[in-house]
Amino acid sequence: MRAARKAIAFSVVHFFVGLAVAYALTGQAVLAASVALVEPAVNALIHFAYESWHDGHNGAMHAA
């Protein structure tokens, strides 16, 4: 349960950091909110793909 709380807290912090950075760069609240919502979703997909690729390559290296 502690890991779930940490993951949720990290996600909230990540959102607000992304929002603040995007707002500082653009000065537009709607654009900043859009970036803050989209970036973690894209990051999660890339992370999943990387982990899948890494697990496949890691298993192949150990089999050799």
PDB file of N, CA and C in Angstrom:
ATOM      1  N   MET A   1       0.826  -1.197   0.000  1.00  0.00           N
ATOM      2  CA  MET A   1       0.000   0.000   0.000  1.00  0.00           C
ATOM      3  C   MET A   1       0.870   1.261   0.000  1.00  0.00           C
ATOM      4  N   ARG A   2       2.015   1.200   0.672  1.00  0.00           N
ATOM      5  CA  ARG A   2       2.916   2.357   0.710  1.00  0.00           C
ATOM      6  C   ARG A   2       3.412   2.695  -0.689  1.00  0.00           C
ATOM      7  N   ALA A   3       3.708   1.672  -1.478  1.00  0.00           N
ATOM      8  CA  ALA A   3       4.186   1.899  -2.844  1.00  0.00           C
ATOM      9  C   ALA A   3       3.117   2.586  -3.685  1.00  0.00           C
ATOM     10  N   ALA A   4       1.865   2.209  -3.496  1.00  0.00           N
ATOM     11  CA  ALA A   4       0.770   2.844  -4.244  1.00  0.00           C
ATOM     12  C   ALA A   4       0.634   4.309  -3.859  1.00  0.00           C
ATOM     13  N   ARG A   5       0.733   4.600  -2.571  1.00  0.00           N
ATOM     14  CA  ARG A   5       0.646   6.007  -2.123  1.00  0.00           C
ATOM     15  C   ARG A   5       1.805   6.818  -2.684  1.00  0.00           C
ATOM     16  N   LYS A   6       2.989   6.234  -2.692  1.00  0.00           N
ATOM     17  CA  LYS A   6       4.153   6.936  -3.252  1.00  0.00           C
ATOM     18  C   LYS A   6       3.969   7.191  -4.744  1.00  0.00           C
ATOM     19  N   ALA A   7       3.453   6.210  -5.456  1.00  0.00           N
ATOM     20  CA  ALA A   7       3.242   6.367  -6.899  1.00  0.00           C
ATOM     21  C   ALA A   7       2.217   7.461  -7.182  1.00  0.00           C
ATOM     22  N   ILE A   8       1.154   7.503  -6.402  1.00  0.00           N
ATOM     23  CA  ILE A   8       0.131   8.540  -6.578  1.00  0.00           C
ATOM     24  C   ILE A   8       0.708   9.906  -6.246  1.00  0.00           C
ATOM     25  N   ALA A   9       1.427   9.998  -5.141  1.00  0.00           N
ATOM     26  CA  ALA A   9       2.036  11.276  -4.752  1.00  0.00           C
ATOM     27  C   ALA A   9       3.029  11.737  -5.808  1.00  0.00           C
ATOM     28  N   PHE A  10       3.831  10.828  -6.334  1.00  0.00           N
ATOM     29  CA  PHE A  10       4.788  11.187  -7.374  1.00  0.00           C
ATOM     30  C   PHE A  10       4.065  11.684  -8.618  1.00  0.00           C
ATOM     31  N   SER A  11       2.968  11.040  -8.976  1.00  0.00           N
ATOM     32  CA  SER A  11       2.201  11.459 -10.151  1.00  0.00           C
ATOM     33  C   SER A  11       1.641  12.863  -9.983  1.00  0.00           C
ATOM     34  N   VAL A  12       1.148  13.166  -8.796  1.00  0.00           N
ATOM     35  CA  VAL A  12       0.608  14.503  -8.526  1.00  0.00           C
ATOM     36  C   VAL A  12       1.723  15.544  -8.605  1.00  0.00           C
ATOM     37  N   VAL A  13       2.847  15.257  -7.980  1.00  0.00           N
ATOM     38  CA  VAL A  13       3.986  16.185  -8.025  1.00  0.00           C
ATOM     39  C   VAL A  13       4.463  16.352  -9.469  1.00  0.00           C
ATOM     40  N   HIS A  14       4.565  15.247 -10.199  1.00  0.00           N
ATOM     41  CA  HIS A  14       5.000  15.278 -11.598  1.00  0.00           C
ATOM     42  C   HIS A  14       4.075  16.176 -12.420  1.00  0.00           C
ATOM     43  N   PHE A  15       2.771  16.049 -12.211  1.00  0.00           N
ATOM     44  CA  PHE A  15       1.805  16.874 -12.940  1.00  0.00           C
ATOM     45  C   PHE A  15       2.041  18.357 -12.670  1.00  0.00           C
ATOM     46  N   PHE A  16       2.181  18.718 -11.396  1.00  0.00           N
ATOM     47  CA  PHE A  16       2.331  20.133 -11.070  1.00  0.00           C
ATOM     48  C   PHE A  16       3.685  20.702 -11.509  1.00  0.00           C
ATOM     49  N   VAL A  17       4.719  19.896 -11.483  1.00  0.00           N
ATOM     50  CA  VAL A  17       6.011  20.359 -12.004  1.00  0.00           C
ATOM     51  C   VAL A  17       5.894  20.593 -13.509  1.00  0.00           C
ATOM     52  N   GLY A  18       5.299  19.650 -14.212  1.00  0.00           N
ATOM     53  CA  GLY A  18       5.096  19.813 -15.651  1.00  0.00           C
ATOM     54  C   GLY A  18       4.237  21.023 -15.969  1.00  0.00           C
ATOM     55  N   LEU A  19       3.197  21.227 -15.186  1.00  0.00           N
ATOM     56  CA  LEU A  19       2.318  22.385 -15.366  1.00  0.00           C
ATOM     57  C   LEU A  19       3.095  23.681 -15.171  1.00  0.00           C
ATOM     58  N   ALA A  20       3.877  23.744 -14.120  1.00  0.00           N
ATOM     59  CA  ALA A  20       4.642  24.961 -13.823  1.00  0.00           C
ATOM     60  C   ALA A  20       5.684  25.247 -14.900  1.00  0.00           C
ATOM     61  N   VAL A  21       6.393  24.216 -15.334  1.00  0.00           N
ATOM     62  CA  VAL A  21       7.425  24.412 -16.358  1.00  0.00           C
ATOM     63  C   VAL A  21       6.785  24.829 -17.685  1.00  0.00           C
ATOM     64  N   ALA A  22       5.727  24.138 -18.085  1.00  0.00           N
ATOM     65  CA  ALA A  22       5.068  24.475 -19.349  1.00  0.00           C
ATOM     66  C   ALA A  22       4.468  25.876 -19.295  1.00  0.00           C
ATOM     67  N   TYR A  23       3.917  26.259 -18.151  1.00  0.00           N
ATOM     68  CA  TYR A  23       3.362  27.609 -18.024  1.00  0.00           C
ATOM     69  C   TYR A  23       4.476  28.655 -18.071  1.00  0.00           C
ATOM     70  N   ALA A  24       5.591  28.363 -17.423  1.00  0.00           N
ATOM     71  CA  ALA A  24       6.722  29.299 -17.443  1.00  0.00           C
ATOM     72  C   ALA A  24       7.255  29.481 -18.865  1.00  0.00           C
ATOM     73  N   LEU A  25       7.231  28.422 -19.649  1.00  0.00           N
ATOM     74  CA  LEU A  25       7.737  28.501 -21.023  1.00  0.00           C
ATOM     75  C   LEU A  25       6.751  29.145 -21.994  1.00  0.00           C
ATOM     76  N   THR A  26       5.446  28.909 -21.777  1.00  0.00           N
ATOM     77  CA  THR A  26       4.453  29.371 -22.745  1.00  0.00           C
ATOM     78  C   THR A  26       3.633  30.560 -22.277  1.00  0.00           C
ATOM     79  N   GLY A  27       3.419  30.676 -20.971  1.00  0.00           N
ATOM     80  CA  GLY A  27       2.543  31.726 -20.446  1.00  0.00           C
ATOM     81  C   GLY A  27       1.072  31.455 -20.706  1.00  0.00           C
ATOM     82  N   GLN A  28       0.742  30.255 -21.161  1.00  0.00           N
ATOM     83  CA  GLN A  28      -0.640  29.900 -21.479  1.00  0.00           C
ATOM     84  C   GLN A  28      -1.095  28.745 -20.586  1.00  0.00           C
ATOM     85  N   ALA A  29      -2.105  29.002 -19.766  1.00  0.00           N
ATOM     86  CA  ALA A  29      -2.562  28.010 -18.800  1.00  0.00           C
ATOM     87  C   ALA A  29      -3.136  26.765 -19.477  1.00  0.00           C
ATOM     88  N   VAL A  30      -3.933  26.946 -20.525  1.00  0.00           N
ATOM     89  CA  VAL A  30      -4.555  25.793 -21.187  1.00  0.00           C
ATOM     90  C   VAL A  30      -3.493  24.917 -21.853  1.00  0.00           C
ATOM     91  N   LEU A  31      -2.558  25.536 -22.527  1.00  0.00           N
ATOM     92  CA  LEU A  31      -1.475  24.778 -23.156  1.00  0.00           C
ATOM     93  C   LEU A  31      -0.628  24.069 -22.099  1.00  0.00           C
ATOM     94  N   ALA A  32      -0.340  24.757 -21.013  1.00  0.00           N
ATOM     95  CA  ALA A  32       0.447  24.158 -19.933  1.00  0.00           C
ATOM     96  C   ALA A  32      -0.274  22.955 -19.335  1.00  0.00           C
ATOM     97  N   ALA A  33      -1.580  23.076 -19.122  1.00  0.00           N
ATOM     98  CA  ALA A  33      -2.352  21.958 -18.573  1.00  0.00           C
ATOM     99  C   ALA A  33      -2.373  20.785 -19.550  1.00  0.00           C
ATOM    100  N   SER A  34      -2.481  21.091 -20.831  1.00  0.00           N
ATOM    101  CA  SER A  34      -2.471  20.026 -21.842  1.00  0.00           C
ATOM    102  C   SER A  34      -1.149  19.271 -21.827  1.00  0.00           C
ATOM    103  N   VAL A  35      -0.059  20.006 -21.784  1.00  0.00           N
ATOM    104  CA  VAL A  35       1.263  19.378 -21.731  1.00  0.00           C
ATOM    105  C   VAL A  35       1.396  18.547 -20.462  1.00  0.00           C
ATOM    106  N   ALA A  36       0.949  19.091 -19.343  1.00  0.00           N
ATOM    107  CA  ALA A  36       1.068  18.395 -18.061  1.00  0.00           C
ATOM    108  C   ALA A  36       0.238  17.117 -18.030  1.00  0.00           C
ATOM    109  N   LEU A  37      -0.840  17.060 -18.796  1.00  0.00           N
ATOM    110  CA  LEU A  37      -1.655  15.848 -18.854  1.00  0.00           C
ATOM    111  C   LEU A  37      -1.118  14.834 -19.864  1.00  0.00           C
ATOM    112  N   VAL A  38      -0.642  15.310 -20.992  1.00  0.00           N
ATOM    113  CA  VAL A  38      -0.210  14.410 -22.060  1.00  0.00           C
ATOM    114  C   VAL A  38       1.162  13.801 -21.776  1.00  0.00           C
ATOM    115  N   GLU A  39       2.083  14.587 -21.263  1.00  0.00           N
ATOM    116  CA  GLU A  39       3.460  14.113 -21.071  1.00  0.00           C
ATOM    117  C   GLU A  39       3.551  12.862 -20.195  1.00  0.00           C
ATOM    118  N   PRO A  40       2.882  12.799 -19.040  1.00  0.00           N
ATOM    119  CA  PRO A  40       2.987  11.567 -18.240  1.00  0.00           C
ATOM    120  C   PRO A  40       2.402  10.346 -18.951  1.00  0.00           C
ATOM    121  N   ALA A  41       1.355  10.540 -19.735  1.00  0.00           N
ATOM    122  CA  ALA A  41       0.773   9.415 -20.470  1.00  0.00           C
ATOM    123  C   ALA A  41       1.760   8.893 -21.513  1.00  0.00           C
ATOM    124  N   VAL A  42       2.383   9.792 -22.251  1.00  0.00           N
ATOM    125  CA  VAL A  42       3.385   9.390 -23.245  1.00  0.00           C
ATOM    126  C   VAL A  42       4.579   8.743 -22.546  1.00  0.00           C
ATOM    127  N   ASN A  43       4.991   9.329 -21.437  1.00  0.00           N
ATOM    128  CA  ASN A  43       6.109   8.784 -20.672  1.00  0.00           C
ATOM    129  C   ASN A  43       5.801   7.357 -20.204  1.00  0.00           C
ATOM    130  N   ALA A  44       4.577   7.105 -19.757  1.00  0.00           N
ATOM    131  CA  ALA A  44       4.192   5.767 -19.305  1.00  0.00           C
ATOM    132  C   ALA A  44       4.254   4.765 -20.455  1.00  0.00           C
ATOM    133  N   LEU A  45       3.797   5.169 -21.636  1.00  0.00           N
ATOM    134  CA  LEU A  45       3.850   4.280 -22.797  1.00  0.00           C
ATOM    135  C   LEU A  45       5.287   3.969 -23.202  1.00  0.00           C
ATOM    136  N   ILE A  46       6.120   4.989 -23.214  1.00  0.00           N
ATOM    137  CA  ILE A  46       7.530   4.791 -23.561  1.00  0.00           C
ATOM    138  C   ILE A  46       8.211   3.902 -22.525  1.00  0.00           C
ATOM    139  N   HIS A  47       7.902   4.121 -21.253  1.00  0.00           N
ATOM    140  CA  HIS A  47       8.487   3.303 -20.188  1.00  0.00           C
ATOM    141  C   HIS A  47       8.078   1.836 -20.353  1.00  0.00           C
ATOM    142  N   PHE A  48       6.798   1.602 -20.644  1.00  0.00           N
ATOM    143  CA  PHE A  48       6.318   0.238 -20.845  1.00  0.00           C
ATOM    144  C   PHE A  48       7.038  -0.416 -22.024  1.00  0.00           C
ATOM    145  N   ALA A  49       7.159   0.321 -23.132  1.00  0.00           N
ATOM    146  CA  ALA A  49       7.840  -0.219 -24.313  1.00  0.00           C
ATOM    147  C   ALA A  49       9.303  -0.514 -24.001  1.00  0.00           C
ATOM    148  N   TYR A  50       9.954   0.382 -23.298  1.00  0.00           N
ATOM    149  CA  TYR A  50      11.359   0.182 -22.946  1.00  0.00           C
ATOM    150  C   TYR A  50      11.523  -1.040 -22.046  1.00  0.00           C
ATOM    151  N   GLU A  51      10.665  -1.158 -21.038  1.00  0.00           N
ATOM    152  CA  GLU A  51      10.760  -2.308 -20.133  1.00  0.00           C
ATOM    153  C   GLU A  51      10.531  -3.613 -20.889  1.00  0.00           C
ATOM    154  N   SER A  52       9.566  -3.616 -21.800  1.00  0.00           N
ATOM    155  CA  SER A  52       9.303  -4.820 -22.595  1.00  0.00           C
ATOM    156  C   SER A  52      10.506  -5.165 -23.455  1.00  0.00           C
ATOM    157  N   TRP A  53      11.075  -4.165 -24.114  1.00  0.00           N
ATOM    158  CA  TRP A  53      12.261  -4.379 -24.948  1.00  0.00           C
ATOM    159  C   TRP A  53      13.430  -4.867 -24.092  1.00  0.00           C
ATOM    160  N   HIS A  54      13.633  -4.220 -22.958  1.00  0.00           N
ATOM    161  CA  HIS A  54      14.751  -4.567 -22.084  1.00  0.00           C
ATOM    162  C   HIS A  54      14.600  -5.984 -21.545  1.00  0.00           C
ATOM    163  N   ASP A  55      13.396  -6.361 -21.138  1.00  0.00           N
ATOM    164  CA  ASP A  55      13.169  -7.714 -20.634  1.00  0.00           C
ATOM    165  C   ASP A  55      13.443  -8.752 -21.717  1.00  0.00           C
ATOM    166  N   GLY A  56      13.041  -8.467 -22.945  1.00  0.00           N
ATOM    167  CA  GLY A  56      13.287  -9.392 -24.052  1.00  0.00           C
ATOM    168  C   GLY A  56      14.764  -9.540 -24.349  1.00  0.00           C
ATOM    169  N   HIS A  57      15.491  -8.438 -24.352  1.00  0.00           N
ATOM    170  CA  HIS A  57      16.928  -8.490 -24.631  1.00  0.00           C
ATOM    171  C   HIS A  57      17.700  -9.078 -23.452  1.00  0.00           C
ATOM    172  N   ASN A  58      17.270  -8.787 -22.257  1.00  0.00           N
ATOM    173  CA  ASN A  58      17.938  -9.302 -21.070  1.00  0.00           C
ATOM    174  C   ASN A  58      17.815 -10.822 -21.013  1.00  0.00           C
ATOM    175  N   GLY A  59      16.628 -11.351 -21.332  1.00  0.00           N
ATOM    176  CA  GLY A  59      16.437 -12.795 -21.349  1.00  0.00           C
ATOM    177  C   GLY A  59      17.269 -13.466 -22.420  1.00  0.00           C
ATOM    178  N   ALA A  60      17.396 -12.820 -23.573  1.00  0.00           N
ATOM    179  CA  ALA A  60      18.185 -13.385 -24.671  1.00  0.00           C
ATOM    180  C   ALA A  60      19.667 -13.432 -24.305  1.00  0.00           C
ATOM    181  N   MET A  61      20.130 -12.433 -23.581  1.00  0.00           N
ATOM    182  CA  MET A  61      21.540 -12.406 -23.192  1.00  0.00           C
ATOM    183  C   MET A  61      21.842 -13.495 -22.173  1.00  0.00           C
ATOM    184  N   HIS A  62      20.897 -13.765 -21.270  1.00  0.00           N
ATOM    185  CA  HIS A  62      21.131 -14.794 -20.260  1.00  0.00           C
ATOM    186  C   HIS A  62      21.024 -16.197 -20.848  1.00  0.00           C
ATOM    187  N   ALA A  63      20.278 -16.347 -21.936  1.00  0.00           N
ATOM    188  CA  ALA A  63      20.114 -17.662 -22.553  1.00  0.00           C
ATOM    189  C   ALA A  63      21.364 -18.075 -23.326  1.00  0.00           C
ATOM    190  N   ALA A  64      22.154 -17.119 -23.750  1.00  0.00           N
ATOM    191  CA  ALA A  64      23.337 -17.423 -24.575  1.00  0.00           C
ATOM    192  C   ALA A  64      24.461 -18.048 -23.789  1.00  0.00           C
TER     193      ALA A  64
END
